[in-house]
Amino acid sequence: MKILKKIKEAQGTKFFRDAELLELAEEITGKVLKPRPPEQLEAVIAVKVDSNIYTTNVTRKLTLIEGVTEVMEITGDYDVIVKVKARDPFHLNQIVENIREIKGVVSTMTSLILKKI
């Protein structure tokens, strides 16, 4: 509530950049909230499944891959989102290749997580 109050009191400021909001939150909470780089590679992989394959069959196989931390069936252009943690780029590539080898996987799109707040 204190942060929101401070934002409302900021006269003449319509927009705050992320860095400004973090500084404001740090000032009020007394905690360091700066983004930090991940200690290992983390990624989100979108998976498209062939229309004649049950998505649940694919998701079960995805959970068995080393490095996979979470699997979610979704709606939209892709059918499944897979969260992964990898030791290094080689390990991440191996995880992606293991996903692509699953029968019914049509395509993948990998997005690296750059920072967490």
C-alpha atoms as a PDB file:
ATOM      1  CA  MET A   1       0.000   0.000   0.000  1.00  0.00           C
ATOM      2  CA  LYS A   2       2.882   2.364   0.784  1.00  0.00           C
ATOM      3  CA  ILE A   3       4.303   1.879  -2.690  1.00  0.00           C
ATOM      4  CA  LEU A   4       0.965   2.602  -4.350  1.00  0.00           C
ATOM      5  CA  LYS A   5       0.513   5.691  -2.193  1.00  0.00           C
ATOM      6  CA  LYS A   6       3.966   6.956  -3.178  1.00  0.00           C
ATOM      7  CA  ILE A   7       3.190   6.410  -6.866  1.00  0.00           C
ATOM      8  CA  LYS A   8      -0.072   8.323  -6.577  1.00  0.00           C
ATOM      9  CA  GLU A   9       1.711  11.171  -4.806  1.00  0.00           C
ATOM     10  CA  ALA A  10       4.328  11.535  -7.578  1.00  0.00           C
ATOM     11  CA  GLN A  11       3.106  14.690  -9.251  1.00  0.00           C
ATOM     12  CA  GLY A  12       3.759  15.136 -12.949  1.00  0.00           C
ATOM     13  CA  THR A  13       4.814  11.509 -13.438  1.00  0.00           C
ATOM     14  CA  LYS A  14       2.439   9.489 -15.601  1.00  0.00           C
ATOM     15  CA  PHE A  15       4.691   6.502 -16.276  1.00  0.00           C
ATOM     16  CA  PHE A  16       7.344   4.726 -14.254  1.00  0.00           C
ATOM     17  CA  ARG A  17      10.074   2.601 -15.816  1.00  0.00           C
ATOM     18  CA  ASP A  18      10.823  -0.772 -14.241  1.00  0.00           C
ATOM     19  CA  ALA A  19      14.051   0.538 -12.705  1.00  0.00           C
ATOM     20  CA  GLU A  20      12.212   3.460 -11.114  1.00  0.00           C
ATOM     21  CA  LEU A  21       9.586   1.155  -9.613  1.00  0.00           C
ATOM     22  CA  LEU A  22      12.299  -1.117  -8.218  1.00  0.00           C
ATOM     23  CA  GLU A  23      14.098   1.852  -6.645  1.00  0.00           C
ATOM     24  CA  LEU A  24      10.841   3.041  -5.106  1.00  0.00           C
ATOM     25  CA  ALA A  25      10.066  -0.422  -3.725  1.00  0.00           C
ATOM     26  CA  GLU A  26      13.592  -0.738  -2.327  1.00  0.00           C
ATOM     27  CA  GLU A  27      13.304   2.657  -0.651  1.00  0.00           C
ATOM     28  CA  ILE A  28      10.030   1.747   1.028  1.00  0.00           C
ATOM     29  CA  THR A  29      10.765  -1.885   1.956  1.00  0.00           C
ATOM     30  CA  GLY A  30      14.452  -1.491   2.761  1.00  0.00           C
ATOM     31  CA  LYS A  31      15.177  -4.644   0.734  1.00  0.00           C
ATOM     32  CA  VAL A  32      17.413  -5.014  -2.318  1.00  0.00           C
ATOM     33  CA  LEU A  33      15.148  -6.004  -5.209  1.00  0.00           C
ATOM     34  CA  LYS A  34      17.519  -5.580  -8.146  1.00  0.00           C
ATOM     35  CA  PRO A  35      17.184  -8.193 -10.882  1.00  0.00           C
ATOM     36  CA  ARG A  36      19.764 -10.930 -10.650  1.00  0.00           C
ATOM     37  CA  PRO A  37      21.081 -13.219 -13.366  1.00  0.00           C
ATOM     38  CA  PRO A  38      20.069 -16.861 -13.005  1.00  0.00           C
ATOM     39  CA  GLU A  39      22.596 -19.274 -11.512  1.00  0.00           C
ATOM     40  CA  GLN A  40      21.811 -21.818 -14.200  1.00  0.00           C
ATOM     41  CA  LEU A  41      20.039 -21.700 -17.533  1.00  0.00           C
ATOM     42  CA  GLU A  42      16.283 -21.582 -17.231  1.00  0.00           C
ATOM     43  CA  ALA A  43      13.976 -21.651 -20.208  1.00  0.00           C
ATOM     44  CA  VAL A  44      10.366 -21.924 -21.227  1.00  0.00           C
ATOM     45  CA  ILE A  45       9.739 -24.187 -24.206  1.00  0.00           C
ATOM     46  CA  ALA A  46       6.490 -24.007 -26.149  1.00  0.00           C
ATOM     47  CA  VAL A  47       5.581 -27.330 -27.770  1.00  0.00           C
ATOM     48  CA  LYS A  48       3.188 -27.886 -30.659  1.00  0.00           C
ATOM     49  CA  VAL A  49       1.609 -31.357 -30.813  1.00  0.00           C
ATOM     50  CA  ASP A  50       0.286 -33.032 -33.966  1.00  0.00           C
ATOM     51  CA  SER A  51      -3.515 -32.810 -34.089  1.00  0.00           C
ATOM     52  CA  ASN A  52      -3.972 -36.600 -34.256  1.00  0.00           C
ATOM     53  CA  ILE A  53      -1.973 -37.213 -31.039  1.00  0.00           C
ATOM     54  CA  TYR A  54      -3.379 -36.889 -27.512  1.00  0.00           C
ATOM     55  CA  THR A  55      -1.600 -33.982 -25.831  1.00  0.00           C
ATOM     56  CA  THR A  56      -1.721 -35.784 -22.476  1.00  0.00           C
ATOM     57  CA  ASN A  57       0.369 -38.650 -23.914  1.00  0.00           C
ATOM     58  CA  VAL A  58       3.057 -36.125 -24.855  1.00  0.00           C
ATOM     59  CA  THR A  59       2.910 -34.277 -21.517  1.00  0.00           C
ATOM     60  CA  ARG A  60       3.437 -37.520 -19.584  1.00  0.00           C
ATOM     61  CA  LYS A  61       6.595 -38.230 -21.587  1.00  0.00           C
ATOM     62  CA  LEU A  62       7.813 -34.651 -21.121  1.00  0.00           C
ATOM     63  CA  THR A  63       7.751 -35.013 -17.323  1.00  0.00           C
ATOM     64  CA  LEU A  64      10.296 -37.849 -17.571  1.00  0.00           C
ATOM     65  CA  ILE A  65      12.985 -35.714 -19.247  1.00  0.00           C
ATOM     66  CA  GLU A  66      15.861 -34.673 -16.973  1.00  0.00           C
ATOM     67  CA  GLY A  67      15.777 -30.908 -16.417  1.00  0.00           C
ATOM     68  CA  VAL A  68      12.022 -30.507 -16.929  1.00  0.00           C
ATOM     69  CA  THR A  69      10.563 -28.811 -13.854  1.00  0.00           C
ATOM     70  CA  GLU A  70       6.989 -28.122 -14.944  1.00  0.00           C
ATOM     71  CA  VAL A  71       4.653 -29.096 -17.797  1.00  0.00           C
ATOM     72  CA  MET A  72       1.399 -27.285 -18.590  1.00  0.00           C
ATOM     73  CA  GLU A  73      -1.192 -27.935 -21.284  1.00  0.00           C
ATOM     74  CA  ILE A  74      -2.340 -24.620 -22.752  1.00  0.00           C
ATOM     75  CA  THR A  75      -4.512 -23.130 -25.466  1.00  0.00           C
ATOM     76  CA  GLY A  76      -3.318 -21.034 -28.388  1.00  0.00           C
ATOM     77  CA  ASP A  77      -0.696 -21.494 -31.084  1.00  0.00           C
ATOM     78  CA  TYR A  78       1.148 -24.084 -28.987  1.00  0.00           C
ATOM     79  CA  ASP A  79      -0.278 -26.947 -26.925  1.00  0.00           C
ATOM     80  CA  VAL A  80       2.183 -27.340 -24.065  1.00  0.00           C
ATOM     81  CA  ILE A  81       4.545 -25.105 -22.090  1.00  0.00           C
ATOM     82  CA  VAL A  82       7.574 -26.779 -20.522  1.00  0.00           C
ATOM     83  CA  LYS A  83       9.722 -25.072 -17.887  1.00  0.00           C
ATOM     84  CA  VAL A  84      13.277 -26.386 -17.734  1.00  0.00           C
ATOM     85  CA  LYS A  85      16.511 -25.869 -15.788  1.00  0.00           C
ATOM     86  CA  ALA A  86      19.779 -26.750 -17.491  1.00  0.00           C
ATOM     87  CA  ARG A  87      23.377 -26.857 -16.280  1.00  0.00           C
ATOM     88  CA  ASP A  88      24.711 -25.207 -19.439  1.00  0.00           C
ATOM     89  CA  PRO A  89      23.821 -24.547 -23.126  1.00  0.00           C
ATOM     90  CA  PHE A  90      24.761 -28.107 -24.118  1.00  0.00           C
ATOM     91  CA  HIS A  91      22.370 -29.543 -21.519  1.00  0.00           C
ATOM     92  CA  LEU A  92      19.599 -27.177 -22.659  1.00  0.00           C
ATOM     93  CA  ASN A  93      20.121 -28.285 -26.258  1.00  0.00           C
ATOM     94  CA  GLN A  94      19.891 -31.920 -25.150  1.00  0.00           C
ATOM     95  CA  ILE A  95      16.602 -31.224 -23.354  1.00  0.00           C
ATOM     96  CA  VAL A  96      15.166 -29.571 -26.488  1.00  0.00           C
ATOM     97  CA  GLU A  97      16.318 -32.502 -28.650  1.00  0.00           C
ATOM     98  CA  ASN A  98      14.730 -34.976 -26.214  1.00  0.00           C
ATOM     99  CA  ILE A  99      11.460 -33.055 -26.452  1.00  0.00           C
ATOM    100  CA  ARG A 100      11.584 -33.052 -30.270  1.00  0.00           C
ATOM    101  CA  GLU A 101      12.140 -36.835 -30.317  1.00  0.00           C
ATOM    102  CA  ILE A 102       8.785 -37.502 -28.650  1.00  0.00           C
ATOM    103  CA  LYS A 103       6.273 -38.945 -31.120  1.00  0.00           C
ATOM    104  CA  GLY A 104       3.674 -36.293 -31.952  1.00  0.00           C
ATOM    105  CA  VAL A 105       5.817 -33.215 -31.264  1.00  0.00           C
ATOM    106  CA  VAL A 106       5.613 -31.041 -34.387  1.00  0.00           C
ATOM    107  CA  SER A 107       7.678 -28.026 -33.311  1.00  0.00           C
ATOM    108  CA  THR A 108       9.168 -26.191 -30.354  1.00  0.00           C
ATOM    109  CA  MET A 109      10.006 -22.602 -29.492  1.00  0.00           C
ATOM    110  CA  THR A 110      12.542 -21.953 -26.727  1.00  0.00           C
ATOM    111  CA  SER A 111      12.716 -18.731 -24.715  1.00  0.00           C
ATOM    112  CA  LEU A 112      15.546 -18.219 -22.224  1.00  0.00           C
ATOM    113  CA  ILE A 113      14.728 -16.586 -18.904  1.00  0.00           C
ATOM    114  CA  LEU A 114      17.108 -13.647 -18.652  1.00  0.00           C
ATOM    115  CA  LYS A 115      16.358 -12.387 -15.151  1.00  0.00           C
ATOM    116  CA  LYS A 116      14.001 -12.775 -12.232  1.00  0.00           C
ATOM    117  CA  ILE A 117      12.838 -10.119  -9.845  1.00  0.00           C
END
